[in-house]
Amino acid sequence: MPGAQRLNICLKFAFQRGICTHDEPDGLFWRELSMKVLMGVLLVVFALLQYRLWFGDASYLDVLENKQRIEDLSRIAAKLKARNEALEAEVKDLKNGLAAIEGRARRDLGMIKKDETFFQIIEPSSE
């Protein structure tokens, strides 16, 4: 007995027993078939959306990686900003004060003032 005939017999039996309240038992078959097709289509759409969420462009994993990268770049930017502020303060000090210029000349260039005595202490090398 082919499958379609067996299904029709089952549907007629359900219709005769009052299980199916529709006027036409064949309409139930098509309604169930259309629901199965609809569920299949919905499952495929859901699977495609899940794939896009987890593995596609701008996926959840990409968002997490970008958040971590933003945090790293923010930390680097904060360090660079502090360094820039220190350099800016030093430039301002060099423009306005002679003491800063004198200190820098002594430290970097080894300069001494007039009437100063320079002492250089050499540590003995331990060999």
C-alpha atoms as a PDB file:
ATOM      1  CA  MET A   1       0.000   0.000   0.000  1.00  0.00           C
ATOM      2  CA  PRO A   2       1.579   3.312  -1.035  1.00  0.00           C
ATOM      3  CA  GLY A   3       2.173   5.921   1.642  1.00  0.00           C
ATOM      4  CA  ALA A   4      -0.347   8.451   0.314  1.00  0.00           C
ATOM      5  CA  GLN A   5      -3.162   5.864   0.319  1.00  0.00           C
ATOM      6  CA  ARG A   6      -2.273   4.769   3.847  1.00  0.00           C
ATOM      7  CA  LEU A   7      -2.339   8.395   5.020  1.00  0.00           C
ATOM      8  CA  ASN A   8      -5.712   8.961   3.363  1.00  0.00           C
ATOM      9  CA  ILE A   9      -7.147   5.876   5.081  1.00  0.00           C
ATOM     10  CA  CYS A  10      -5.798   7.059   8.449  1.00  0.00           C
ATOM     11  CA  LEU A  11      -7.265  10.520   7.889  1.00  0.00           C
ATOM     12  CA  LYS A  12     -10.661   9.075   6.888  1.00  0.00           C
ATOM     13  CA  PHE A  13     -10.641   6.909  10.012  1.00  0.00           C
ATOM     14  CA  ALA A  14      -9.842   9.953  12.173  1.00  0.00           C
ATOM     15  CA  PHE A  15     -12.597  11.905  10.433  1.00  0.00           C
ATOM     16  CA  GLN A  16     -15.141   9.123  10.995  1.00  0.00           C
ATOM     17  CA  ARG A  17     -14.291   8.770  14.687  1.00  0.00           C
ATOM     18  CA  GLY A  18     -14.695  12.501  15.274  1.00  0.00           C
ATOM     19  CA  ILE A  19     -11.005  13.090  15.950  1.00  0.00           C
ATOM     20  CA  CYS A  20     -10.855  15.389  12.964  1.00  0.00           C
ATOM     21  CA  THR A  21     -13.603  17.999  12.909  1.00  0.00           C
ATOM     22  CA  HIS A  22     -12.857  19.394   9.469  1.00  0.00           C
ATOM     23  CA  ASP A  23     -15.292  18.922   6.650  1.00  0.00           C
ATOM     24  CA  GLU A  24     -12.704  17.362   4.390  1.00  0.00           C
ATOM     25  CA  PRO A  25     -10.016  14.937   5.653  1.00  0.00           C
ATOM     26  CA  ASP A  26      -7.707  15.678   2.705  1.00  0.00           C
ATOM     27  CA  GLY A  27      -7.569  19.350   3.791  1.00  0.00           C
ATOM     28  CA  LEU A  28      -5.995  18.201   7.068  1.00  0.00           C
ATOM     29  CA  PHE A  29      -3.239  16.426   5.163  1.00  0.00           C
ATOM     30  CA  TRP A  30      -2.391  19.558   3.191  1.00  0.00           C
ATOM     31  CA  ARG A  31      -2.596  21.726   6.310  1.00  0.00           C
ATOM     32  CA  GLU A  32      -0.172  19.418   8.162  1.00  0.00           C
ATOM     33  CA  LEU A  33       2.121  19.305   5.154  1.00  0.00           C
ATOM     34  CA  SER A  34       2.149  23.094   4.855  1.00  0.00           C
ATOM     35  CA  MET A  35       2.919  23.398   8.595  1.00  0.00           C
ATOM     36  CA  LYS A  36       5.848  20.999   8.210  1.00  0.00           C
ATOM     37  CA  VAL A  37       7.173  22.965   5.247  1.00  0.00           C
ATOM     38  CA  LEU A  38       6.750  26.220   7.179  1.00  0.00           C
ATOM     39  CA  MET A  39       8.591  24.763  10.186  1.00  0.00           C
ATOM     40  CA  GLY A  40      11.384  23.576   7.893  1.00  0.00           C
ATOM     41  CA  VAL A  41      11.730  27.005   6.320  1.00  0.00           C
ATOM     42  CA  LEU A  42      11.730  28.672   9.736  1.00  0.00           C
ATOM     43  CA  LEU A  43      14.409  26.273  10.987  1.00  0.00           C
ATOM     44  CA  VAL A  44      16.598  27.032   7.966  1.00  0.00           C
ATOM     45  CA  VAL A  45      16.178  30.794   8.494  1.00  0.00           C
ATOM     46  CA  PHE A  46      16.968  30.390  12.199  1.00  0.00           C
ATOM     47  CA  ALA A  47      20.093  28.343  11.392  1.00  0.00           C
ATOM     48  CA  LEU A  48      21.283  30.979   8.915  1.00  0.00           C
ATOM     49  CA  LEU A  49      20.766  33.745  11.461  1.00  0.00           C
ATOM     50  CA  GLN A  50      22.652  31.773  14.096  1.00  0.00           C
ATOM     51  CA  TYR A  51      25.522  31.187  11.679  1.00  0.00           C
ATOM     52  CA  ARG A  52      25.681  34.895  10.951  1.00  0.00           C
ATOM     53  CA  LEU A  53      25.570  35.717  14.671  1.00  0.00           C
ATOM     54  CA  TRP A  54      28.464  33.436  15.600  1.00  0.00           C
ATOM     55  CA  PHE A  55      30.617  33.208  12.466  1.00  0.00           C
ATOM     56  CA  GLY A  56      29.671  35.941   9.954  1.00  0.00           C
ATOM     57  CA  ASP A  57      30.833  39.523   9.555  1.00  0.00           C
ATOM     58  CA  ALA A  58      30.451  41.491  12.795  1.00  0.00           C
ATOM     59  CA  SER A  59      29.836  38.274  14.706  1.00  0.00           C
ATOM     60  CA  TYR A  60      29.714  38.035  18.463  1.00  0.00           C
ATOM     61  CA  LEU A  61      33.346  36.879  18.561  1.00  0.00           C
ATOM     62  CA  ASP A  62      34.418  39.855  16.435  1.00  0.00           C
ATOM     63  CA  VAL A  63      32.618  42.194  18.819  1.00  0.00           C
ATOM     64  CA  LEU A  64      34.463  40.689  21.797  1.00  0.00           C
ATOM     65  CA  GLU A  65      37.817  41.015  20.009  1.00  0.00           C
ATOM     66  CA  ASN A  66      37.066  44.625  19.102  1.00  0.00           C
ATOM     67  CA  LYS A  67      36.120  45.457  22.701  1.00  0.00           C
ATOM     68  CA  GLN A  68      39.452  44.033  23.896  1.00  0.00           C
ATOM     69  CA  ARG A  69      41.308  45.978  21.213  1.00  0.00           C
ATOM     70  CA  ILE A  70      39.515  49.197  22.210  1.00  0.00           C
ATOM     71  CA  GLU A  71      40.528  48.657  25.848  1.00  0.00           C
ATOM     72  CA  ASP A  72      44.162  48.077  24.832  1.00  0.00           C
ATOM     73  CA  LEU A  73      44.221  51.151  22.599  1.00  0.00           C
ATOM     74  CA  SER A  74      42.587  53.252  25.327  1.00  0.00           C
ATOM     75  CA  ARG A  75      45.306  52.200  27.780  1.00  0.00           C
ATOM     76  CA  ILE A  76      48.023  53.094  25.255  1.00  0.00           C
ATOM     77  CA  ALA A  77      46.331  56.423  24.507  1.00  0.00           C
ATOM     78  CA  ALA A  78      46.188  57.265  28.240  1.00  0.00           C
ATOM     79  CA  LYS A  79      49.931  56.577  28.603  1.00  0.00           C
ATOM     80  CA  LEU A  80      50.723  58.692  25.560  1.00  0.00           C
ATOM     81  CA  LYS A  81      48.505  61.490  26.824  1.00  0.00           C
ATOM     82  CA  ALA A  82      50.339  61.534  30.171  1.00  0.00           C
ATOM     83  CA  ARG A  83      53.669  61.588  28.331  1.00  0.00           C
ATOM     84  CA  ASN A  84      52.507  64.464  26.116  1.00  0.00           C
ATOM     85  CA  GLU A  85      51.362  66.436  29.153  1.00  0.00           C
ATOM     86  CA  ALA A  86      54.760  65.953  30.810  1.00  0.00           C
ATOM     87  CA  LEU A  87      56.568  67.064  27.645  1.00  0.00           C
ATOM     88  CA  GLU A  88      54.250  70.034  27.317  1.00  0.00           C
ATOM     89  CA  ALA A  89      54.981  71.074  30.888  1.00  0.00           C
ATOM     90  CA  GLU A  90      58.715  70.744  30.251  1.00  0.00           C
ATOM     91  CA  VAL A  91      58.484  72.869  27.088  1.00  0.00           C
ATOM     92  CA  LYS A  92      56.516  75.504  28.972  1.00  0.00           C
ATOM     93  CA  ASP A  93      59.113  75.476  31.753  1.00  0.00           C
ATOM     94  CA  LEU A  94      61.976  75.773  29.252  1.00  0.00           C
ATOM     95  CA  LYS A  95      60.298  78.727  27.574  1.00  0.00           C
ATOM     96  CA  ASN A  96      59.657  80.606  30.808  1.00  0.00           C
ATOM     97  CA  GLY A  97      62.358  79.698  33.316  1.00  0.00           C
ATOM     98  CA  LEU A  98      66.136  79.981  33.206  1.00  0.00           C
ATOM     99  CA  ALA A  99      66.504  77.428  36.018  1.00  0.00           C
ATOM    100  CA  ALA A 100      65.151  74.681  33.796  1.00  0.00           C
ATOM    101  CA  ILE A 101      67.507  75.614  30.985  1.00  0.00           C
ATOM    102  CA  GLU A 102      70.441  75.697  33.398  1.00  0.00           C
ATOM    103  CA  GLY A 103      69.505  72.313  34.893  1.00  0.00           C
ATOM    104  CA  ARG A 104      69.186  70.743  31.490  1.00  0.00           C
ATOM    105  CA  ALA A 105      72.542  72.173  30.345  1.00  0.00           C
ATOM    106  CA  ARG A 106      74.241  70.831  33.470  1.00  0.00           C
ATOM    107  CA  ARG A 107      72.673  67.404  33.186  1.00  0.00           C
ATOM    108  CA  ASP A 108      72.871  66.829  29.438  1.00  0.00           C
ATOM    109  CA  LEU A 109      75.865  68.893  28.369  1.00  0.00           C
ATOM    110  CA  GLY A 110      78.014  68.842  31.518  1.00  0.00           C
ATOM    111  CA  MET A 111      78.216  72.642  31.691  1.00  0.00           C
ATOM    112  CA  ILE A 112      79.330  74.515  34.819  1.00  0.00           C
ATOM    113  CA  LYS A 113      78.931  78.137  35.940  1.00  0.00           C
ATOM    114  CA  LYS A 114      81.686  80.686  36.040  1.00  0.00           C
ATOM    115  CA  ASP A 115      83.721  80.467  39.268  1.00  0.00           C
ATOM    116  CA  GLU A 116      82.552  76.910  39.957  1.00  0.00           C
ATOM    117  CA  THR A 117      84.933  74.060  40.550  1.00  0.00           C
ATOM    118  CA  PHE A 118      84.144  70.801  38.830  1.00  0.00           C
ATOM    119  CA  PHE A 119      84.988  67.578  40.620  1.00  0.00           C
ATOM    120  CA  GLN A 120      84.776  64.302  38.792  1.00  0.00           C
ATOM    121  CA  ILE A 121      84.814  61.190  40.935  1.00  0.00           C
ATOM    122  CA  ILE A 122      85.877  58.049  39.164  1.00  0.00           C
ATOM    123  CA  GLU A 123      84.955  54.764  40.788  1.00  0.00           C
ATOM    124  CA  PRO A 124      87.722  52.167  40.731  1.00  0.00           C
ATOM    125  CA  SER A 125      86.871  49.319  38.455  1.00  0.00           C
ATOM    126  CA  SER A 126      86.700  45.952  40.194  1.00  0.00           C
ATOM    127  CA  GLU A 127      88.412  43.408  38.026  1.00  0.00           C
END
